[in-house]
Amino acid sequence: MDAREIMTRPVVAVTTTATVREAIALLVQHGFAALPVVDDEDRVVGIFTEADALRADIGGTNGNPTVGSVMTAPVEVATMDTEISQIARHMLSDRLRCVPVVDDGVLVGVVSRRDLLRPLVRHDDAIAAQLRALLADYAGHRGRWSVEVAGGVAHISGDFSDEAERRVVNALAKTVPGVHHAEIG
């Protein structure tokens, strides 16, 4: 598997002339740990990380510095054909949160730690986790039911107070994206 198969796109990036406040707003708004920094031709020239944001002297003697004055540079990039195992090793050894992906030198995506984890979880597992959380909220976190999902079919077993509760749990299950059918047992 290579970077093109797991990378996040479209990419949210900043330029060197953006202010640190603007870049921090993007980090917070999107829940990112870092943003690629690009030039006018969308070529990666650095990366702006949460650590860079914390080191910036916002409101201090420098006022509101630019991203270019605090970004981490140079930054290593991956190509669309880079194997994800190589990206993972690089991220672990250098303690990186994301790696920009380029095609012919132009930014086309980003591989984050979350992108590397996503292939490890089957789609049904993610659906089951969401359904378990929903039912736990409904049951007051008493762990009354077990949930398994296979091929979009949710199998819910455990103790039900009555038939009405079975219907409610069935209806709740069908509100979870990816659940095509629910079997209550």
C-alpha atoms as a PDB file:
ATOM      1  CA  MET A   1       0.000   0.000   0.000  1.00  0.00           C
ATOM      2  CA  ASP A   2       1.341   3.429  -0.847  1.00  0.00           C
ATOM      3  CA  ALA A   3       0.712   7.053   0.113  1.00  0.00           C
ATOM      4  CA  ARG A   4      -1.813   7.716  -2.669  1.00  0.00           C
ATOM      5  CA  GLU A   5      -4.139   5.087  -1.160  1.00  0.00           C
ATOM      6  CA  ILE A   6      -4.333   6.564   2.335  1.00  0.00           C
ATOM      7  CA  MET A   7      -3.421  10.246   2.079  1.00  0.00           C
ATOM      8  CA  THR A   8      -5.872  12.944   3.066  1.00  0.00           C
ATOM      9  CA  ARG A   9      -6.919  15.347   0.356  1.00  0.00           C
ATOM     10  CA  PRO A  10      -7.735  18.023  -0.466  1.00  0.00           C
ATOM     11  CA  VAL A  11      -4.950  19.480   1.616  1.00  0.00           C
ATOM     12  CA  VAL A  12      -5.317  22.415   3.953  1.00  0.00           C
ATOM     13  CA  ALA A  13      -2.063  24.360   3.710  1.00  0.00           C
ATOM     14  CA  VAL A  14      -0.749  27.825   4.527  1.00  0.00           C
ATOM     15  CA  THR A  15       1.760  30.141   2.920  1.00  0.00           C
ATOM     16  CA  THR A  16       4.806  31.653   4.549  1.00  0.00           C
ATOM     17  CA  THR A  17       3.065  35.040   4.647  1.00  0.00           C
ATOM     18  CA  ALA A  18       0.049  33.821   6.638  1.00  0.00           C
ATOM     19  CA  THR A  19       0.029  34.987  10.232  1.00  0.00           C
ATOM     20  CA  VAL A  20       0.585  32.550  13.045  1.00  0.00           C
ATOM     21  CA  ARG A  21      -2.906  33.366  14.356  1.00  0.00           C
ATOM     22  CA  GLU A  22      -4.429  32.409  10.983  1.00  0.00           C
ATOM     23  CA  ALA A  23      -2.488  29.143  10.953  1.00  0.00           C
ATOM     24  CA  ILE A  24      -3.466  28.323  14.544  1.00  0.00           C
ATOM     25  CA  ALA A  25      -7.109  28.941  13.640  1.00  0.00           C
ATOM     26  CA  LEU A  26      -6.786  26.377  10.820  1.00  0.00           C
ATOM     27  CA  LEU A  27      -5.129  23.836  13.132  1.00  0.00           C
ATOM     28  CA  VAL A  28      -7.906  24.205  15.681  1.00  0.00           C
ATOM     29  CA  GLN A  29     -10.753  24.344  13.162  1.00  0.00           C
ATOM     30  CA  HIS A  30      -9.695  21.149  11.399  1.00  0.00           C
ATOM     31  CA  GLY A  31      -8.223  19.284  14.362  1.00  0.00           C
ATOM     32  CA  PHE A  32      -4.818  18.968  12.695  1.00  0.00           C
ATOM     33  CA  ALA A  33      -1.451  18.657  14.389  1.00  0.00           C
ATOM     34  CA  ALA A  34       0.412  20.331  11.530  1.00  0.00           C
ATOM     35  CA  LEU A  35      -0.075  22.175   8.255  1.00  0.00           C
ATOM     36  CA  PRO A  36       2.157  22.047   5.182  1.00  0.00           C
ATOM     37  CA  VAL A  37       3.591  25.438   4.245  1.00  0.00           C
ATOM     38  CA  VAL A  38       3.698  26.099   0.503  1.00  0.00           C
ATOM     39  CA  ASP A  39       5.046  28.728  -1.862  1.00  0.00           C
ATOM     40  CA  ASP A  40       3.115  30.404  -4.674  1.00  0.00           C
ATOM     41  CA  GLU A  41       3.498  27.285  -6.846  1.00  0.00           C
ATOM     42  CA  ASP A  42       2.185  24.906  -4.148  1.00  0.00           C
ATOM     43  CA  ARG A  43       5.644  23.484  -3.495  1.00  0.00           C
ATOM     44  CA  VAL A  44       6.270  22.469   0.116  1.00  0.00           C
ATOM     45  CA  VAL A  45       8.755  24.793   1.826  1.00  0.00           C
ATOM     46  CA  GLY A  46       8.113  23.840   5.451  1.00  0.00           C
ATOM     47  CA  ILE A  47       5.605  22.633   7.974  1.00  0.00           C
ATOM     48  CA  PHE A  48       3.781  24.537  10.708  1.00  0.00           C
ATOM     49  CA  THR A  49       3.221  22.355  13.767  1.00  0.00           C
ATOM     50  CA  GLU A  50       1.460  22.746  17.083  1.00  0.00           C
ATOM     51  CA  ALA A  51       4.934  23.051  18.635  1.00  0.00           C
ATOM     52  CA  ASP A  52       5.774  25.903  16.238  1.00  0.00           C
ATOM     53  CA  ALA A  53       2.538  27.609  17.275  1.00  0.00           C
ATOM     54  CA  LEU A  54       3.375  27.267  20.953  1.00  0.00           C
ATOM     55  CA  ARG A  55       6.891  28.654  20.399  1.00  0.00           C
ATOM     56  CA  ALA A  56       5.615  31.681  18.457  1.00  0.00           C
ATOM     57  CA  ASP A  57       5.613  34.951  20.377  1.00  0.00           C
ATOM     58  CA  ILE A  58       1.991  35.902  19.735  1.00  0.00           C
ATOM     59  CA  GLY A  59       1.101  39.141  21.455  1.00  0.00           C
ATOM     60  CA  GLY A  60       4.651  39.539  22.730  1.00  0.00           C
ATOM     61  CA  THR A  61       7.341  41.778  21.360  1.00  0.00           C
ATOM     62  CA  ASN A  62       6.885  40.378  17.857  1.00  0.00           C
ATOM     63  CA  GLY A  63       3.120  40.964  17.719  1.00  0.00           C
ATOM     64  CA  ASN A  64       1.718  38.439  15.271  1.00  0.00           C
ATOM     65  CA  PRO A  65       4.594  36.776  13.410  1.00  0.00           C
ATOM     66  CA  THR A  66       4.249  35.088  10.040  1.00  0.00           C
ATOM     67  CA  VAL A  67       4.261  31.352   9.533  1.00  0.00           C
ATOM     68  CA  GLY A  68       7.492  31.688   7.539  1.00  0.00           C
ATOM     69  CA  SER A  69       9.309  33.061  10.579  1.00  0.00           C
ATOM     70  CA  VAL A  70       8.380  30.139  12.882  1.00  0.00           C
ATOM     71  CA  MET A  71       7.784  27.109  10.621  1.00  0.00           C
ATOM     72  CA  THR A  72       9.906  23.996  10.697  1.00  0.00           C
ATOM     73  CA  ALA A  73      12.124  23.775   7.614  1.00  0.00           C
ATOM     74  CA  PRO A  74      13.359  21.947   5.738  1.00  0.00           C
ATOM     75  CA  VAL A  75      10.672  19.293   5.732  1.00  0.00           C
ATOM     76  CA  GLU A  76      10.859  15.830   4.234  1.00  0.00           C
ATOM     77  CA  VAL A  77       8.038  14.847   1.927  1.00  0.00           C
ATOM     78  CA  ALA A  78       6.766  11.589   0.481  1.00  0.00           C
ATOM     79  CA  THR A  79       5.702  10.902  -3.066  1.00  0.00           C
ATOM     80  CA  MET A  80       2.425   9.303  -4.019  1.00  0.00           C
ATOM     81  CA  ASP A  81       4.286   6.004  -4.567  1.00  0.00           C
ATOM     82  CA  THR A  82       6.048   5.936  -1.177  1.00  0.00           C
ATOM     83  CA  GLU A  83       5.175   2.772   0.754  1.00  0.00           C
ATOM     84  CA  ILE A  84       3.189   3.463   3.921  1.00  0.00           C
ATOM     85  CA  SER A  85       5.549   1.260   5.952  1.00  0.00           C
ATOM     86  CA  GLN A  86       8.386   3.632   5.018  1.00  0.00           C
ATOM     87  CA  ILE A  87       6.256   6.651   5.968  1.00  0.00           C
ATOM     88  CA  ALA A  88       5.329   5.025   9.291  1.00  0.00           C
ATOM     89  CA  ARG A  89       8.985   4.279  10.128  1.00  0.00           C
ATOM     90  CA  HIS A  90       9.939   7.859   9.271  1.00  0.00           C
ATOM     91  CA  MET A  91       7.101   9.273  11.384  1.00  0.00           C
ATOM     92  CA  LEU A  92       8.041   7.100  14.356  1.00  0.00           C
ATOM     93  CA  SER A  93      11.785   7.681  14.206  1.00  0.00           C
ATOM     94  CA  ASP A  94      11.457  11.454  13.772  1.00  0.00           C
ATOM     95  CA  ARG A  95       8.327  11.810  15.952  1.00  0.00           C
ATOM     96  CA  LEU A  96       6.332  13.390  13.121  1.00  0.00           C
ATOM     97  CA  ARG A  97       2.575  13.870  13.215  1.00  0.00           C
ATOM     98  CA  CYS A  98       2.148  14.154   9.440  1.00  0.00           C
ATOM     99  CA  VAL A  99       4.107  13.964   6.201  1.00  0.00           C
ATOM    100  CA  PRO A 100       3.217  16.066   3.127  1.00  0.00           C
ATOM    101  CA  VAL A 101       2.790  14.118  -0.122  1.00  0.00           C
ATOM    102  CA  VAL A 102       3.929  15.642  -3.419  1.00  0.00           C
ATOM    103  CA  ASP A 103       3.504  14.800  -7.070  1.00  0.00           C
ATOM    104  CA  ASP A 104       6.176  16.303  -9.305  1.00  0.00           C
ATOM    105  CA  GLY A 105       7.092  18.601  -6.411  1.00  0.00           C
ATOM    106  CA  VAL A 106       3.553  19.955  -5.936  1.00  0.00           C
ATOM    107  CA  LEU A 107       1.599  19.309  -2.715  1.00  0.00           C
ATOM    108  CA  VAL A 108      -1.245  16.838  -3.354  1.00  0.00           C
ATOM    109  CA  GLY A 109      -1.961  15.306   0.051  1.00  0.00           C
ATOM    110  CA  VAL A 110      -0.888  14.657   3.616  1.00  0.00           C
ATOM    111  CA  VAL A 111      -0.379  11.387   5.471  1.00  0.00           C
ATOM    112  CA  SER A 112      -1.180  11.704   9.169  1.00  0.00           C
ATOM    113  CA  ARG A 113      -0.901   9.142  11.933  1.00  0.00           C
ATOM    114  CA  ARG A 114      -4.662   8.695  11.711  1.00  0.00           C
ATOM    115  CA  ASP A 115      -4.348   7.926   7.995  1.00  0.00           C
ATOM    116  CA  LEU A 116      -1.839   5.184   8.857  1.00  0.00           C
ATOM    117  CA  LEU A 117      -4.184   3.707  11.468  1.00  0.00           C
ATOM    118  CA  ARG A 118      -7.328   3.748   9.322  1.00  0.00           C
ATOM    119  CA  PRO A 119      -6.437   0.653   7.219  1.00  0.00           C
ATOM    120  CA  LEU A 120      -5.909  -1.344  10.425  1.00  0.00           C
ATOM    121  CA  VAL A 121      -9.572  -1.057  11.349  1.00  0.00           C
ATOM    122  CA  ARG A 122     -12.223  -2.753   9.281  1.00  0.00           C
ATOM    123  CA  HIS A 123     -15.200  -0.620   8.349  1.00  0.00           C
ATOM    124  CA  ASP A 124     -17.508  -2.908  10.361  1.00  0.00           C
ATOM    125  CA  ASP A 125     -15.359  -2.340  13.451  1.00  0.00           C
ATOM    126  CA  ALA A 126     -15.838   1.415  13.202  1.00  0.00           C
ATOM    127  CA  ILE A 127     -19.608   0.967  12.779  1.00  0.00           C
ATOM    128  CA  ALA A 128     -19.739  -1.369  15.789  1.00  0.00           C
ATOM    129  CA  ALA A 129     -17.796   1.105  17.933  1.00  0.00           C
ATOM    130  CA  GLN A 130     -20.218   3.898  17.054  1.00  0.00           C
ATOM    131  CA  LEU A 131     -23.236   1.675  17.732  1.00  0.00           C
ATOM    132  CA  ARG A 132     -21.797   0.521  21.082  1.00  0.00           C
ATOM    133  CA  ALA A 133     -21.310   4.151  22.134  1.00  0.00           C
ATOM    134  CA  LEU A 134     -24.876   5.043  21.122  1.00  0.00           C
ATOM    135  CA  LEU A 135     -26.372   2.096  23.027  1.00  0.00           C
ATOM    136  CA  ALA A 136     -24.170   2.783  26.059  1.00  0.00           C
ATOM    137  CA  ASP A 137     -25.541   6.348  26.162  1.00  0.00           C
ATOM    138  CA  TYR A 138     -29.088   5.037  25.830  1.00  0.00           C
ATOM    139  CA  ALA A 139     -28.582   2.447  28.601  1.00  0.00           C
ATOM    140  CA  GLY A 140     -26.882   4.856  30.983  1.00  0.00           C
ATOM    141  CA  HIS A 141     -23.494   3.178  30.468  1.00  0.00           C
ATOM    142  CA  ARG A 142     -24.635  -0.046  32.120  1.00  0.00           C
ATOM    143  CA  GLY A 143     -23.244  -2.332  29.401  1.00  0.00           C
ATOM    144  CA  ARG A 144     -26.485  -4.219  28.810  1.00  0.00           C
ATOM    145  CA  TRP A 145     -25.841  -5.318  25.229  1.00  0.00           C
ATOM    146  CA  SER A 146     -23.065  -6.723  23.121  1.00  0.00           C
ATOM    147  CA  VAL A 147     -22.703  -5.579  19.544  1.00  0.00           C
ATOM    148  CA  GLU A 148     -21.097  -7.170  16.515  1.00  0.00           C
ATOM    149  CA  VAL A 149     -21.300  -5.918  12.951  1.00  0.00           C
ATOM    150  CA  ALA A 150     -20.610  -7.992   9.852  1.00  0.00           C
ATOM    151  CA  GLY A 151     -21.228  -6.676   6.364  1.00  0.00           C
ATOM    152  CA  GLY A 152     -23.325  -3.814   7.694  1.00  0.00           C
ATOM    153  CA  VAL A 153     -25.605  -6.153   9.676  1.00  0.00           C
ATOM    154  CA  ALA A 154     -25.652  -5.307  13.388  1.00  0.00           C
ATOM    155  CA  HIS A 155     -26.119  -8.225  15.790  1.00  0.00           C
ATOM    156  CA  ILE A 156     -27.221  -6.949  19.204  1.00  0.00           C
ATOM    157  CA  SER A 157     -27.666  -9.376  22.073  1.00  0.00           C
ATOM    158  CA  GLY A 158     -28.280  -9.070  25.789  1.00  0.00           C
ATOM    159  CA  ASP A 159     -31.132  -8.397  28.196  1.00  0.00           C
ATOM    160  CA  PHE A 160     -34.110  -6.382  26.986  1.00  0.00           C
ATOM    161  CA  SER A 161     -36.829  -5.152  29.337  1.00  0.00           C
ATOM    162  CA  ASP A 162     -39.621  -5.826  26.844  1.00  0.00           C
ATOM    163  CA  GLU A 163     -40.526  -5.819  23.162  1.00  0.00           C
ATOM    164  CA  ALA A 164     -40.776  -2.027  23.118  1.00  0.00           C
ATOM    165  CA  GLU A 165     -37.135  -1.748  24.201  1.00  0.00           C
ATOM    166  CA  ARG A 166     -36.147  -4.192  21.440  1.00  0.00           C
ATOM    167  CA  ARG A 167     -37.865  -1.932  18.896  1.00  0.00           C
ATOM    168  CA  VAL A 168     -36.141   1.166  20.323  1.00  0.00           C
ATOM    169  CA  VAL A 169     -32.708  -0.511  20.166  1.00  0.00           C
ATOM    170  CA  ASN A 170     -33.469  -1.680  16.617  1.00  0.00           C
ATOM    171  CA  ALA A 171     -34.432   1.868  15.615  1.00  0.00           C
ATOM    172  CA  LEU A 172     -31.329   3.324  17.284  1.00  0.00           C
ATOM    173  CA  ALA A 173     -29.106   0.839  15.472  1.00  0.00           C
ATOM    174  CA  LYS A 174     -30.503   1.881  12.113  1.00  0.00           C
ATOM    175  CA  THR A 175     -29.525   5.519  12.781  1.00  0.00           C
ATOM    176  CA  VAL A 176     -25.832   4.597  12.709  1.00  0.00           C
ATOM    177  CA  PRO A 177     -24.322   5.183   9.247  1.00  0.00           C
ATOM    178  CA  GLY A 178     -23.330   1.872   7.702  1.00  0.00           C
ATOM    179  CA  VAL A 179     -25.921  -0.269   9.518  1.00  0.00           C
ATOM    180  CA  HIS A 180     -28.108  -1.752   6.796  1.00  0.00           C
ATOM    181  CA  HIS A 181     -30.015  -4.145   9.003  1.00  0.00           C
ATOM    182  CA  ALA A 182     -30.197  -4.902  12.732  1.00  0.00           C
ATOM    183  CA  GLU A 183     -30.782  -8.307  14.311  1.00  0.00           C
ATOM    184  CA  ILE A 184     -31.880  -8.124  17.912  1.00  0.00           C
ATOM    185  CA  GLY A 185     -31.370 -11.313  19.877  1.00  0.00           C
END
